Amino acid sequence: MKILIKLIISAIAVLVTDLLLSGVSLGDLGETNGLITALLTAAVLGLLNALLKPLLILFTLPVTVLTLGLFLLVINAGIVLIAAELVPGFVVKSFWWALGFSLVLSFVQGILNAFDGGKKREVR
């Protein structure tokens, strides 16, 4: 159930990010295709972040340390560009739009996860 909630939150964040950035497109949001594309984009980004991102971080560790972690932004933008290639209807115009997309997406997901309650601890 938590995975489904996280997927919906991510899809909403993708939709909001699409509305905020003109260089990113999910297609026509007035139709069902845009919503399906948002869900598919959120799922693909989640899978790429879970499977590919740790490998990329491991292989680029010296550069990441040398740049004090700023190279992680490049990795995030690269993952967004890979997702744009895999998901039909999800279009990112350039690397810079992918970088902006990843930054805005992280911010919007943070806000939405705050409404979700995040990780609540049970009080006994």
PDB file of N, CA and C in Angstrom:
ATOM      1  N   MET A   1       0.824  -1.192   0.000  1.00  0.00           N
ATOM      2  CA  MET A   1       0.000   0.000   0.000  1.00  0.00           C
ATOM      3  C   MET A   1       0.866   1.253   0.000  1.00  0.00           C
ATOM      4  N   LYS A   2       1.992   1.192   0.740  1.00  0.00           N
ATOM      5  CA  LYS A   2       2.877   2.353   0.790  1.00  0.00           C
ATOM      6  C   LYS A   2       3.480   2.643  -0.576  1.00  0.00           C
ATOM      7  N   ILE A   3       3.763   1.586  -1.341  1.00  0.00           N
ATOM      8  CA  ILE A   3       4.348   1.777  -2.676  1.00  0.00           C
ATOM      9  C   ILE A   3       3.356   2.494  -3.577  1.00  0.00           C
ATOM     10  N   LEU A   4       2.094   2.122  -3.491  1.00  0.00           N
ATOM     11  CA  LEU A   4       1.068   2.767  -4.305  1.00  0.00           C
ATOM     12  C   LEU A   4       0.914   4.241  -3.933  1.00  0.00           C
ATOM     13  N   ILE A   5       0.960   4.549  -2.656  1.00  0.00           N
ATOM     14  CA  ILE A   5       0.867   5.950  -2.210  1.00  0.00           C
ATOM     15  C   ILE A   5       2.069   6.738  -2.692  1.00  0.00           C
ATOM     16  N   LYS A   6       3.263   6.141  -2.594  1.00  0.00           N
ATOM     17  CA  LYS A   6       4.472   6.818  -3.077  1.00  0.00           C
ATOM     18  C   LYS A   6       4.409   7.047  -4.581  1.00  0.00           C
ATOM     19  N   LEU A   7       3.861   6.080  -5.331  1.00  0.00           N
ATOM     20  CA  LEU A   7       3.728   6.226  -6.777  1.00  0.00           C
ATOM     21  C   LEU A   7       2.766   7.356  -7.118  1.00  0.00           C
ATOM     22  N   ILE A   8       1.674   7.453  -6.402  1.00  0.00           N
ATOM     23  CA  ILE A   8       0.703   8.524  -6.653  1.00  0.00           C
ATOM     24  C   ILE A   8       1.297   9.883  -6.302  1.00  0.00           C
ATOM     25  N   ILE A   9       2.020   9.954  -5.192  1.00  0.00           N
ATOM     26  CA  ILE A   9       2.677  11.210  -4.813  1.00  0.00           C
ATOM     27  C   ILE A   9       3.701  11.609  -5.871  1.00  0.00           C
ATOM     28  N   SER A  10       4.464  10.644  -6.355  1.00  0.00           N
ATOM     29  CA  SER A  10       5.456  10.937  -7.396  1.00  0.00           C
ATOM     30  C   SER A  10       4.788  11.374  -8.688  1.00  0.00           C
ATOM     31  N   ALA A  11       3.676  10.743  -9.038  1.00  0.00           N
ATOM     32  CA  ALA A  11       2.961  11.129 -10.261  1.00  0.00           C
ATOM     33  C   ALA A  11       2.408  12.549 -10.136  1.00  0.00           C
ATOM     34  N   ILE A  12       1.887  12.895  -8.977  1.00  0.00           N
ATOM     35  CA  ILE A  12       1.405  14.269  -8.768  1.00  0.00           C
ATOM     36  C   ILE A  12       2.566  15.242  -8.862  1.00  0.00           C
ATOM     37  N   ALA A  13       3.710  14.872  -8.297  1.00  0.00           N
ATOM     38  CA  ALA A  13       4.891  15.740  -8.374  1.00  0.00           C
ATOM     39  C   ALA A  13       5.350  15.905  -9.817  1.00  0.00           C
ATOM     40  N   VAL A  14       5.283  14.836 -10.603  1.00  0.00           N
ATOM     41  CA  VAL A  14       5.643  14.926 -12.028  1.00  0.00           C
ATOM     42  C   VAL A  14       4.677  15.849 -12.754  1.00  0.00           C
ATOM     43  N   LEU A  15       3.387  15.749 -12.459  1.00  0.00           N
ATOM     44  CA  LEU A  15       2.397  16.630 -13.093  1.00  0.00           C
ATOM     45  C   LEU A  15       2.639  18.095 -12.736  1.00  0.00           C
ATOM     46  N   VAL A  16       2.900  18.365 -11.463  1.00  0.00           N
ATOM     47  CA  VAL A  16       3.159  19.744 -11.035  1.00  0.00           C
ATOM     48  C   VAL A  16       4.421  20.282 -11.693  1.00  0.00           C
ATOM     49  N   THR A  17       5.456  19.447 -11.763  1.00  0.00           N
ATOM     50  CA  THR A  17       6.706  19.868 -12.384  1.00  0.00           C
ATOM     51  C   THR A  17       6.508  20.143 -13.867  1.00  0.00           C
ATOM     52  N   ASP A  18       5.684  19.341 -14.519  1.00  0.00           N
ATOM     53  CA  ASP A  18       5.367  19.580 -15.930  1.00  0.00           C
ATOM     54  C   ASP A  18       4.680  20.923 -16.113  1.00  0.00           C
ATOM     55  N   LEU A  19       3.806  21.273 -15.189  1.00  0.00           N
ATOM     56  CA  LEU A  19       3.108  22.561 -15.289  1.00  0.00           C
ATOM     57  C   LEU A  19       4.051  23.741 -15.038  1.00  0.00           C
ATOM     58  N   LEU A  20       5.071  23.552 -14.213  1.00  0.00           N
ATOM     59  CA  LEU A  20       5.980  24.642 -13.864  1.00  0.00           C
ATOM     60  C   LEU A  20       7.079  24.879 -14.901  1.00  0.00           C
ATOM     61  N   LEU A  21       7.504  23.840 -15.604  1.00  0.00           N
ATOM     62  CA  LEU A  21       8.619  23.952 -16.537  1.00  0.00           C
ATOM     63  C   LEU A  21       8.141  23.805 -17.977  1.00  0.00           C
ATOM     64  N   SER A  22       8.495  24.759 -18.811  1.00  0.00           N
ATOM     65  CA  SER A  22       8.045  24.708 -20.207  1.00  0.00           C
ATOM     66  C   SER A  22       8.896  23.778 -21.063  1.00  0.00           C
ATOM     67  N   GLY A  23      10.072  23.397 -20.609  1.00  0.00           N
ATOM     68  CA  GLY A  23      10.938  22.522 -21.385  1.00  0.00           C
ATOM     69  C   GLY A  23      10.675  21.045 -21.160  1.00  0.00           C
ATOM     70  N   VAL A  24       9.662  20.746 -20.360  1.00  0.00           N
ATOM     71  CA  VAL A  24       9.296  19.367 -20.057  1.00  0.00           C
ATOM     72  C   VAL A  24       7.837  19.188 -20.438  1.00  0.00           C
ATOM     73  N   SER A  25       7.530  18.069 -21.099  1.00  0.00           N
ATOM     74  CA  SER A  25       6.160  17.851 -21.535  1.00  0.00           C
ATOM     75  C   SER A  25       5.737  16.413 -21.286  1.00  0.00           C
ATOM     76  N   LEU A  26       4.524  16.270 -20.808  1.00  0.00           N
ATOM     77  CA  LEU A  26       3.913  14.953 -20.628  1.00  0.00           C
ATOM     78  C   LEU A  26       2.815  14.712 -21.643  1.00  0.00           C
ATOM     79  N   GLY A  27       2.687  15.579 -22.598  1.00  0.00           N
ATOM     80  CA  GLY A  27       1.600  15.475 -23.563  1.00  0.00           C
ATOM     81  C   GLY A  27       0.439  16.330 -23.115  1.00  0.00           C
ATOM     82  N   ASP A  28      -0.722  16.042 -23.648  1.00  0.00           N
ATOM     83  CA  ASP A  28      -1.924  16.802 -23.327  1.00  0.00           C
ATOM     84  C   ASP A  28      -2.497  16.306 -22.004  1.00  0.00           C
ATOM     85  N   LEU A  29      -2.424  17.145 -20.977  1.00  0.00           N
ATOM     86  CA  LEU A  29      -2.899  16.738 -19.656  1.00  0.00           C
ATOM     87  C   LEU A  29      -4.414  16.720 -19.555  1.00  0.00           C
ATOM     88  N   GLY A  30      -5.104  17.296 -20.543  1.00  0.00           N
ATOM     89  CA  GLY A  30      -6.557  17.270 -20.546  1.00  0.00           C
ATOM     90  C   GLY A  30      -7.103  15.894 -20.875  1.00  0.00           C
ATOM     91  N   GLU A  31      -6.263  15.055 -21.453  1.00  0.00           N
ATOM     92  CA  GLU A  31      -6.677  13.706 -21.815  1.00  0.00           C
ATOM     93  C   GLU A  31      -6.097  12.706 -20.819  1.00  0.00           C
ATOM     94  N   THR A  32      -6.566  11.500 -20.909  1.00  0.00           N
ATOM     95  CA  THR A  32      -6.080  10.438 -20.022  1.00  0.00           C
ATOM     96  C   THR A  32      -4.625  10.103 -20.312  1.00  0.00           C
ATOM     97  N   ASN A  33      -4.183  10.318 -21.552  1.00  0.00           N
ATOM     98  CA  ASN A  33      -2.805   9.980 -21.921  1.00  0.00           C
ATOM     99  C   ASN A  33      -1.794  10.710 -21.050  1.00  0.00           C
ATOM    100  N   GLY A  34      -2.042  11.976 -20.729  1.00  0.00           N
ATOM    101  CA  GLY A  34      -1.122  12.738 -19.894  1.00  0.00           C
ATOM    102  C   GLY A  34      -1.018  12.172 -18.493  1.00  0.00           C
ATOM    103  N   LEU A  35      -2.142  11.728 -17.947  1.00  0.00           N
ATOM    104  CA  LEU A  35      -2.134  11.151 -16.600  1.00  0.00           C
ATOM    105  C   LEU A  35      -1.442   9.793 -16.573  1.00  0.00           C
ATOM    106  N   ILE A  36      -1.676   8.994 -17.616  1.00  0.00           N
ATOM    107  CA  ILE A  36      -1.008   7.702 -17.709  1.00  0.00           C
ATOM    108  C   ILE A  36       0.490   7.904 -17.900  1.00  0.00           C
ATOM    109  N   THR A  37       0.852   8.904 -18.708  1.00  0.00           N
ATOM    110  CA  THR A  37       2.270   9.209 -18.905  1.00  0.00           C
ATOM    111  C   THR A  37       2.917   9.655 -17.600  1.00  0.00           C
ATOM    112  N   ALA A  38       2.206  10.421 -16.790  1.00  0.00           N
ATOM    113  CA  ALA A  38       2.739  10.858 -15.497  1.00  0.00           C
ATOM    114  C   ALA A  38       2.960   9.662 -14.572  1.00  0.00           C
ATOM    115  N   LEU A  39       1.999   8.742 -14.518  1.00  0.00           N
ATOM    116  CA  LEU A  39       2.150   7.543 -13.685  1.00  0.00           C
ATOM    117  C   LEU A  39       3.307   6.677 -14.174  1.00  0.00           C
ATOM    118  N   LEU A  40       3.396   6.519 -15.488  1.00  0.00           N
ATOM    119  CA  LEU A  40       4.473   5.715 -16.062  1.00  0.00           C
ATOM    120  C   LEU A  40       5.827   6.372 -15.833  1.00  0.00           C
ATOM    121  N   THR A  41       5.881   7.698 -15.964  1.00  0.00           N
ATOM    122  CA  THR A  41       7.127   8.421 -15.716  1.00  0.00           C
ATOM    123  C   THR A  41       7.558   8.284 -14.262  1.00  0.00           C
ATOM    124  N   ALA A  42       6.612   8.402 -13.347  1.00  0.00           N
ATOM    125  CA  ALA A  42       6.932   8.253 -11.923  1.00  0.00           C
ATOM    126  C   ALA A  42       7.443   6.849 -11.633  1.00  0.00           C
ATOM    127  N   ALA A  43       6.826   5.840 -12.244  1.00  0.00           N
ATOM    128  CA  ALA A  43       7.262   4.459 -12.016  1.00  0.00           C
ATOM    129  C   ALA A  43       8.656   4.216 -12.592  1.00  0.00           C
ATOM    130  N   VAL A  44       8.903   4.709 -13.800  1.00  0.00           N
ATOM    131  CA  VAL A  44      10.211   4.514 -14.431  1.00  0.00           C
ATOM    132  C   VAL A  44      11.296   5.267 -13.661  1.00  0.00           C
ATOM    133  N   LEU A  45      10.997   6.495 -13.228  1.00  0.00           N
ATOM    134  CA  LEU A  45      11.976   7.240 -12.431  1.00  0.00           C
ATOM    135  C   LEU A  45      12.274   6.520 -11.121  1.00  0.00           C
ATOM    136  N   GLY A  46      11.256   5.963 -10.502  1.00  0.00           N
ATOM    137  CA  GLY A  46      11.461   5.207  -9.275  1.00  0.00           C
ATOM    138  C   GLY A  46      12.336   3.974  -9.493  1.00  0.00           C
ATOM    139  N   LEU A  47      12.087   3.251 -10.580  1.00  0.00           N
ATOM    140  CA  LEU A  47      12.903   2.076 -10.880  1.00  0.00           C
ATOM    141  C   LEU A  47      14.339   2.453 -11.220  1.00  0.00           C
ATOM    142  N   LEU A  48      14.513   3.498 -12.016  1.00  0.00           N
ATOM    143  CA  LEU A  48      15.861   3.932 -12.368  1.00  0.00           C
ATOM    144  C   LEU A  48      16.618   4.425 -11.142  1.00  0.00           C
ATOM    145  N   ASN A  49      15.927   5.143 -10.264  1.00  0.00           N
ATOM    146  CA  ASN A  49      16.572   5.608  -9.025  1.00  0.00           C
ATOM    147  C   ASN A  49      16.940   4.447  -8.109  1.00  0.00           C
ATOM    148  N   ALA A  50      16.151   3.390  -8.131  1.00  0.00           N
ATOM    149  CA  ALA A  50      16.436   2.249  -7.265  1.00  0.00           C
ATOM    150  C   ALA A  50      17.519   1.337  -7.838  1.00  0.00           C
ATOM    151  N   LEU A  51      17.548   1.175  -9.155  1.00  0.00           N
ATOM    152  CA  LEU A  51      18.454   0.206  -9.761  1.00  0.00           C
ATOM    153  C   LEU A  51      19.715   0.823 -10.362  1.00  0.00           C
ATOM    154  N   LEU A  52      19.566   1.901 -11.108  1.00  0.00           N
ATOM    155  CA  LEU A  52      20.688   2.460 -11.857  1.00  0.00           C
ATOM    156  C   LEU A  52      21.485   3.494 -11.071  1.00  0.00           C
ATOM    157  N   LYS A  53      20.806   4.304 -10.289  1.00  0.00           N
ATOM    158  CA  LYS A  53      21.474   5.395  -9.590  1.00  0.00           C
ATOM    159  C   LYS A  53      22.589   4.915  -8.637  1.00  0.00           C
ATOM    160  N   PRO A  54      22.383   3.858  -7.851  1.00  0.00           N
ATOM    161  CA  PRO A  54      23.489   3.415  -6.990  1.00  0.00           C
ATOM    162  C   PRO A  54      24.736   2.995  -7.779  1.00  0.00           C
ATOM    163  N   LEU A  55      24.532   2.363  -8.928  1.00  0.00           N
ATOM    164  CA  LEU A  55      25.671   1.976  -9.763  1.00  0.00           C
ATOM    165  C   LEU A  55      26.398   3.197 -10.307  1.00  0.00           C
ATOM    166  N   LEU A  56      25.626   4.180 -10.764  1.00  0.00           N
ATOM    167  CA  LEU A  56      26.243   5.398 -11.288  1.00  0.00           C
ATOM    168  C   LEU A  56      27.011   6.145 -10.194  1.00  0.00           C
ATOM    169  N   ILE A  57      26.454   6.178  -9.012  1.00  0.00           N
ATOM    170  CA  ILE A  57      27.146   6.841  -7.899  1.00  0.00           C
ATOM    171  C   ILE A  57      28.444   6.109  -7.576  1.00  0.00           C
ATOM    172  N   LEU A  58      28.399   4.782  -7.585  1.00  0.00           N
ATOM    173  CA  LEU A  58      29.597   3.996  -7.293  1.00  0.00           C
ATOM    174  C   LEU A  58      30.688   4.236  -8.344  1.00  0.00           C
ATOM    175  N   PHE A  59      30.311   4.228  -9.620  1.00  0.00           N
ATOM    176  CA  PHE A  59      31.297   4.400 -10.687  1.00  0.00           C
ATOM    177  C   PHE A  59      31.857   5.819 -10.750  1.00  0.00           C
ATOM    178  N   THR A  60      31.082   6.794 -10.319  1.00  0.00           N
ATOM    179  CA  THR A  60      31.530   8.187 -10.407  1.00  0.00           C
ATOM    180  C   THR A  60      31.930   8.746  -9.045  1.00  0.00           C
ATOM    181  N   LEU A  61      32.211   7.877  -8.099  1.00  0.00           N
ATOM    182  CA  LEU A  61      32.536   8.314  -6.745  1.00  0.00           C
ATOM    183  C   LEU A  61      33.716   9.289  -6.676  1.00  0.00           C
ATOM    184  N   PRO A  62      34.811   9.070  -7.411  1.00  0.00           N
ATOM    185  CA  PRO A  62      35.906  10.045  -7.339  1.00  0.00           C
ATOM    186  C   PRO A  62      35.500  11.446  -7.815  1.00  0.00           C
ATOM    187  N   VAL A  63      34.739  11.503  -8.896  1.00  0.00           N
ATOM    188  CA  VAL A  63      34.286  12.805  -9.403  1.00  0.00           C
ATOM    189  C   VAL A  63      33.305  13.440  -8.428  1.00  0.00           C
ATOM    190  N   THR A  64      32.448  12.633  -7.835  1.00  0.00           N
ATOM    191  CA  THR A  64      31.478  13.143  -6.868  1.00  0.00           C
ATOM    192  C   THR A  64      32.177  13.719  -5.644  1.00  0.00           C
ATOM    193  N   VAL A  65      33.199  13.037  -5.167  1.00  0.00           N
ATOM    194  CA  VAL A  65      33.948  13.536  -4.013  1.00  0.00           C
ATOM    195  C   VAL A  65      34.700  14.808  -4.395  1.00  0.00           C
ATOM    196  N   LEU A  66      35.289  14.821  -5.577  1.00  0.00           N
ATOM    197  CA  LEU A  66      36.057  15.975  -6.026  1.00  0.00           C
ATOM    198  C   LEU A  66      35.178  17.221  -6.167  1.00  0.00           C
ATOM    199  N   THR A  67      33.929  17.035  -6.590  1.00  0.00           N
ATOM    200  CA  THR A  67      33.019  18.169  -6.767  1.00  0.00           C
ATOM    201  C   THR A  67      32.153  18.418  -5.536  1.00  0.00           C
ATOM    202  N   LEU A  68      32.505  17.759  -4.435  1.00  0.00           N
ATOM    203  CA  LEU A  68      31.773  17.902  -3.166  1.00  0.00           C
ATOM    204  C   LEU A  68      30.295  17.531  -3.296  1.00  0.00           C
ATOM    205  N   GLY A  69      30.008  16.530  -4.095  1.00  0.00           N
ATOM    206  CA  GLY A  69      28.651  16.019  -4.239  1.00  0.00           C
ATOM    207  C   GLY A  69      27.822  16.671  -5.323  1.00  0.00           C
ATOM    208  N   LEU A  70      28.331  17.720  -5.953  1.00  0.00           N
ATOM    209  CA  LEU A  70      27.541  18.393  -6.983  1.00  0.00           C
ATOM    210  C   LEU A  70      27.346  17.540  -8.232  1.00  0.00           C
ATOM    211  N   PHE A  71      28.215  16.553  -8.433  1.00  0.00           N
ATOM    212  CA  PHE A  71      28.049  15.675  -9.597  1.00  0.00           C
ATOM    213  C   PHE A  71      26.788  14.828  -9.476  1.00  0.00           C
ATOM    214  N   LEU A  72      26.247  14.688  -8.279  1.00  0.00           N
ATOM    215  CA  LEU A  72      24.987  13.965  -8.109  1.00  0.00           C
ATOM    216  C   LEU A  72      23.851  14.645  -8.874  1.00  0.00           C
ATOM    217  N   LEU A  73      23.935  15.963  -9.031  1.00  0.00           N
ATOM    218  CA  LEU A  73      22.940  16.670  -9.838  1.00  0.00           C
ATOM    219  C   LEU A  73      23.007  16.228 -11.294  1.00  0.00           C
ATOM    220  N   VAL A  74      24.218  16.003 -11.786  1.00  0.00           N
ATOM    221  CA  VAL A  74      24.399  15.523 -13.156  1.00  0.00           C
ATOM    222  C   VAL A  74      23.830  14.114 -13.296  1.00  0.00           C
ATOM    223  N   ILE A  75      24.048  13.276 -12.295  1.00  0.00           N
ATOM    224  CA  ILE A  75      23.495  11.924 -12.317  1.00  0.00           C
ATOM    225  C   ILE A  75      21.972  11.972 -12.333  1.00  0.00           C
ATOM    226  N   ASN A  76      21.380  12.835 -11.509  1.00  0.00           N
ATOM    227  CA  ASN A  76      19.913  12.971 -11.491  1.00  0.00           C
ATOM    228  C   ASN A  76      19.381  13.420 -12.847  1.00  0.00           C
ATOM    229  N   ALA A  77      20.044  14.398 -13.464  1.00  0.00           N
ATOM    230  CA  ALA A  77      19.615  14.873 -14.773  1.00  0.00           C
ATOM    231  C   ALA A  77      19.752  13.764 -15.815  1.00  0.00           C
ATOM    232  N   GLY A  78      20.816  12.982 -15.726  1.00  0.00           N
ATOM    233  CA  GLY A  78      20.990  11.861 -16.653  1.00  0.00           C
ATOM    234  C   GLY A  78      19.896  10.824 -16.511  1.00  0.00           C
ATOM    235  N   ILE A  79      19.484  10.565 -15.287  1.00  0.00           N
ATOM    236  CA  ILE A  79      18.396   9.604 -15.060  1.00  0.00           C
ATOM    237  C   ILE A  79      17.086  10.129 -15.638  1.00  0.00           C
ATOM    238  N   VAL A  80      16.850  11.436 -15.511  1.00  0.00           N
ATOM    239  CA  VAL A  80      15.642  12.025 -16.104  1.00  0.00           C
ATOM    240  C   VAL A  80      15.688  11.894 -17.629  1.00  0.00           C
ATOM    241  N   LEU A  81      16.853  12.121 -18.226  1.00  0.00           N
ATOM    242  CA  LEU A  81      16.978  11.984 -19.683  1.00  0.00           C
ATOM    243  C   LEU A  81      16.773  10.533 -20.123  1.00  0.00           C
ATOM    244  N   ILE A  82      17.258   9.581 -19.336  1.00  0.00           N
ATOM    245  CA  ILE A  82      17.031   8.170 -19.665  1.00  0.00           C
ATOM    246  C   ILE A  82      15.543   7.846 -19.577  1.00  0.00           C
ATOM    247  N   ALA A  83      14.874   8.367 -18.550  1.00  0.00           N
ATOM    248  CA  ALA A  83      13.431   8.143 -18.409  1.00  0.00           C
ATOM    249  C   ALA A  83      12.675   8.752 -19.580  1.00  0.00           C
ATOM    250  N   ALA A  84      13.146   9.906 -20.067  1.00  0.00           N
ATOM    251  CA  ALA A  84      12.485  10.544 -21.218  1.00  0.00           C
ATOM    252  C   ALA A  84      12.628   9.686 -22.471  1.00  0.00           C
ATOM    253  N   GLU A  85      13.718   8.948 -22.574  1.00  0.00           N
ATOM    254  CA  GLU A  85      13.889   8.055 -23.714  1.00  0.00           C
ATOM    255  C   GLU A  85      13.023   6.803 -23.586  1.00  0.00           C
ATOM    256  N   LEU A  86      12.796   6.347 -22.379  1.00  0.00           N
ATOM    257  CA  LEU A  86      12.052   5.105 -22.159  1.00  0.00           C
ATOM    258  C   LEU A  86      10.538   5.288 -22.166  1.00  0.00           C
ATOM    259  N   VAL A  87      10.058   6.441 -21.708  1.00  0.00           N
ATOM    260  CA  VAL A  87       8.617   6.657 -21.565  1.00  0.00           C
ATOM    261  C   VAL A  87       8.091   7.422 -22.790  1.00  0.00           C
ATOM    262  N   PRO A  88       7.193   6.805 -23.547  1.00  0.00           N
ATOM    263  CA  PRO A  88       6.621   7.530 -24.684  1.00  0.00           C
ATOM    264  C   PRO A  88       5.710   8.659 -24.191  1.00  0.00           C
ATOM    265  N   GLY A  89       5.885   9.827 -24.771  1.00  0.00           N
ATOM    266  CA  GLY A  89       5.083  10.983 -24.396  1.00  0.00           C
ATOM    267  C   GLY A  89       5.781  11.904 -23.412  1.00  0.00           C
ATOM    268  N   PHE A  90       6.817  11.435 -22.741  1.00  0.00           N
ATOM    269  CA  PHE A  90       7.579  12.250 -21.796  1.00  0.00           C
ATOM    270  C   PHE A  90       8.758  12.840 -22.552  1.00  0.00           C
ATOM    271  N   VAL A  91       8.741  14.165 -22.706  1.00  0.00           N
ATOM    272  CA  VAL A  91       9.753  14.847 -23.512  1.00  0.00           C
ATOM    273  C   VAL A  91      10.477  15.872 -22.644  1.00  0.00           C
ATOM    274  N   VAL A  92      11.811  15.807 -22.682  1.00  0.00           N
ATOM    275  CA  VAL A  92      12.661  16.790 -22.012  1.00  0.00           C
ATOM    276  C   VAL A  92      13.535  17.405 -23.098  1.00  0.00           C
ATOM    277  N   LYS A  93      13.521  18.733 -23.218  1.00  0.00           N
ATOM    278  CA  LYS A  93      14.185  19.400 -24.335  1.00  0.00           C
ATOM    279  C   LYS A  93      15.706  19.353 -24.283  1.00  0.00           C
ATOM    280  N   SER A  94      16.299  19.429 -23.094  1.00  0.00           N
ATOM    281  CA  SER A  94      17.761  19.461 -23.019  1.00  0.00           C
ATOM    282  C   SER A  94      18.225  18.997 -21.648  1.00  0.00           C
ATOM    283  N   PHE A  95      19.535  18.916 -21.496  1.00  0.00           N
ATOM    284  CA  PHE A  95      20.124  18.539 -20.216  1.00  0.00           C
ATOM    285  C   PHE A  95      19.731  19.529 -19.131  1.00  0.00           C
ATOM    286  N   TRP A  96      19.711  20.813 -19.459  1.00  0.00           N
ATOM    287  CA  TRP A  96      19.408  21.839 -18.452  1.00  0.00           C
ATOM    288  C   TRP A  96      17.965  21.749 -17.988  1.00  0.00           C
ATOM    289  N   TRP A  97      17.055  21.408 -18.902  1.00  0.00           N
ATOM    290  CA  TRP A  97      15.665  21.204 -18.491  1.00  0.00           C
ATOM    291  C   TRP A  97      15.556  19.957 -17.615  1.00  0.00           C
ATOM    292  N   ALA A  98      16.355  18.935 -17.912  1.00  0.00           N
ATOM    293  CA  ALA A  98      16.360  17.722 -17.079  1.00  0.00           C
ATOM    294  C   ALA A  98      16.892  18.038 -15.689  1.00  0.00           C
ATOM    295  N   LEU A  99      17.910  18.877 -15.615  1.00  0.00           N
ATOM    296  CA  LEU A  99      18.453  19.291 -14.319  1.00  0.00           C
ATOM    297  C   LEU A  99      17.407  20.075 -13.532  1.00  0.00           C
ATOM    298  N   GLY A 100      16.742  21.011 -14.188  1.00  0.00           N
ATOM    299  CA  GLY A 100      15.673  21.766 -13.531  1.00  0.00           C
ATOM    300  C   GLY A 100      14.528  20.869 -13.109  1.00  0.00           C
ATOM    301  N   PHE A 101      14.188  19.896 -13.967  1.00  0.00           N
ATOM    302  CA  PHE A 101      13.122  18.950 -13.648  1.00  0.00           C
ATOM    303  C   PHE A 101      13.458  18.169 -12.386  1.00  0.00           C
ATOM    304  N   SER A 102      14.699  17.691 -12.292  1.00  0.00           N
ATOM    305  CA  SER A 102      15.066  16.896 -11.115  1.00  0.00           C
ATOM    306  C   SER A 102      15.055  17.742  -9.844  1.00  0.00           C
ATOM    307  N   LEU A 103      15.475  19.003  -9.951  1.00  0.00           N
ATOM    308  CA  LEU A 103      15.468  19.873  -8.771  1.00  0.00           C
ATOM    309  C   LEU A 103      14.043  20.206  -8.324  1.00  0.00           C
ATOM    310  N   VAL A 104      13.205  20.601  -9.278  1.00  0.00           N
ATOM    311  CA  VAL A 104      11.816  20.957  -8.945  1.00  0.00           C
ATOM    312  C   VAL A 104      11.054  19.723  -8.466  1.00  0.00           C
ATOM    313  N   LEU A 105      11.304  18.581  -9.103  1.00  0.00           N
ATOM    314  CA  LEU A 105      10.635  17.343  -8.696  1.00  0.00           C
ATOM    315  C   LEU A 105      10.983  16.983  -7.256  1.00  0.00           C
ATOM    316  N   SER A 106      12.241  17.111  -6.889  1.00  0.00           N
ATOM    317  CA  SER A 106      12.649  16.817  -5.508  1.00  0.00           C
ATOM    318  C   SER A 106      11.964  17.755  -4.528  1.00  0.00           C
ATOM    319  N   PHE A 107      11.881  19.030  -4.867  1.00  0.00           N
ATOM    320  CA  PHE A 107      11.234  20.012  -4.002  1.00  0.00           C
ATOM    321  C   PHE A 107       9.747  19.706  -3.838  1.00  0.00           C
ATOM    322  N   VAL A 108       9.063  19.447  -4.952  1.00  0.00           N
ATOM    323  CA  VAL A 108       7.625  19.178  -4.906  1.00  0.00           C
ATOM    324  C   VAL A 108       7.348  17.868  -4.161  1.00  0.00           C
ATOM    325  N   GLN A 109       8.179  16.831  -4.388  1.00  0.00           N
ATOM    326  CA  GLN A 109       7.993  15.582  -3.662  1.00  0.00           C
ATOM    327  C   GLN A 109       8.194  15.779  -2.163  1.00  0.00           C
ATOM    328  N   GLY A 110       9.138  16.619  -1.793  1.00  0.00           N
ATOM    329  CA  GLY A 110       9.348  16.908  -0.381  1.00  0.00           C
ATOM    330  C   GLY A 110       8.130  17.543   0.259  1.00  0.00           C
ATOM    331  N   ILE A 111       7.518  18.477  -0.455  1.00  0.00           N
ATOM    332  CA  ILE A 111       6.308  19.126   0.058  1.00  0.00           C
ATOM    333  C   ILE A 111       5.160  18.125   0.164  1.00  0.00           C
ATOM    334  N   LEU A 112       4.971  17.315  -0.886  1.00  0.00           N
ATOM    335  CA  LEU A 112       3.875  16.346  -0.871  1.00  0.00           C
ATOM    336  C   LEU A 112       4.088  15.262   0.184  1.00  0.00           C
ATOM    337  N   ASN A 113       5.325  14.853   0.390  1.00  0.00           N
ATOM    338  CA  ASN A 113       5.595  13.855   1.423  1.00  0.00           C
ATOM    339  C   ASN A 113       5.363  14.427   2.820  1.00  0.00           C
ATOM    340  N   ALA A 114       5.522  15.730   2.976  1.00  0.00           N
ATOM    341  CA  ALA A 114       5.233  16.354   4.268  1.00  0.00           C
ATOM    342  C   ALA A 114       3.734  16.274   4.573  1.00  0.00           C
ATOM    343  N   PHE A 115       2.887  16.398   3.537  1.00  0.00           N
ATOM    344  CA  PHE A 115       1.445  16.261   3.743  1.00  0.00           C
ATOM    345  C   PHE A 115       1.065  14.817   4.043  1.00  0.00           C
ATOM    346  N   ASP A 116       1.825  13.881   3.486  1.00  0.00           N
ATOM    347  CA  ASP A 116       1.576  12.465   3.708  1.00  0.00           C
ATOM    348  C   ASP A 116       1.868  12.081   5.150  1.00  0.00           C
ATOM    349  N   GLY A 117       2.709  12.837   5.802  1.00  0.00           N
ATOM    350  CA  GLY A 117       3.066  12.545   7.177  1.00  0.00           C
ATOM    351  C   GLY A 117       4.437  11.930   7.291  1.00  0.00           C
ATOM    352  N   GLY A 118       5.008  11.539   6.159  1.00  0.00           N
ATOM    353  CA  GLY A 118       6.349  10.977   6.166  1.00  0.00           C
ATOM    354  C   GLY A 118       6.421   9.719   7.008  1.00  0.00           C
ATOM    355  N   LYS A 119       7.451   9.599   7.786  1.00  0.00           N
ATOM    356  CA  LYS A 119       7.649   8.428   8.628  1.00  0.00           C
ATOM    357  C   LYS A 119       7.203   8.771  10.051  1.00  0.00           C
ATOM    358  N   LYS A 120       5.981   8.449  10.356  1.00  0.00           N
ATOM    359  CA  LYS A 120       5.476   8.707  11.709  1.00  0.00           C
ATOM    360  C   LYS A 120       5.903   7.554  12.610  1.00  0.00           C
ATOM    361  N   ARG A 121       6.271   7.922  13.816  1.00  0.00           N
ATOM    362  CA  ARG A 121       6.644   6.913  14.793  1.00  0.00           C
ATOM    363  C   ARG A 121       5.448   6.644  15.676  1.00  0.00           C
ATOM    364  N   GLU A 122       5.286   5.385  15.980  1.00  0.00           N
ATOM    365  CA  GLU A 122       4.197   5.006  16.863  1.00  0.00           C
ATOM    366  C   GLU A 122       4.579   5.306  18.299  1.00  0.00           C
ATOM    367  N   VAL A 123       3.680   5.946  19.013  1.00  0.00           N
ATOM    368  CA  VAL A 123       3.915   6.253  20.419  1.00  0.00           C
ATOM    369  C   VAL A 123       3.242   5.170  21.245  1.00  0.00           C
ATOM    370  N   ARG A 124       4.010   4.580  22.147  1.00  0.00           N
ATOM    371  CA  ARG A 124       3.448   3.517  22.994  1.00  0.00           C
ATOM    372  C   ARG A 124       3.275   3.984  24.399  1.00  0.00           C
TER     373      ARG A 124
END
